[in-house]
Amino acid sequence: MLAKRIIPTVLCRGRTLVKGRQFAGDRSIGHVMQAAQIHGRRQVDELLILDIGATADGRGPDLDMVRELSA
């Protein structure tokens, strides 16, 4: 039997952790690194990070941040 898995999702704008509704009216609630550390201590298998401002700002993925988070 397959085990159920919960994959946490973190919304960010750059390196700032944000909370919003339907990708509008977002407000800063912390830093992405802090959220990743908390989820790491809880031993999650995967963490989904969505930069909700990258396309609108004309940016690509922040690969340096991904490297830091995965380290």
Foldseek 3Di string as FASTA:
>chain_A
DDDDADEEEFEAAVQFTWDDPPLPPIDGDGGPLVVLVVVVVVVHPHYHYHNSCQVVVVHDDPVVVVVVSVD
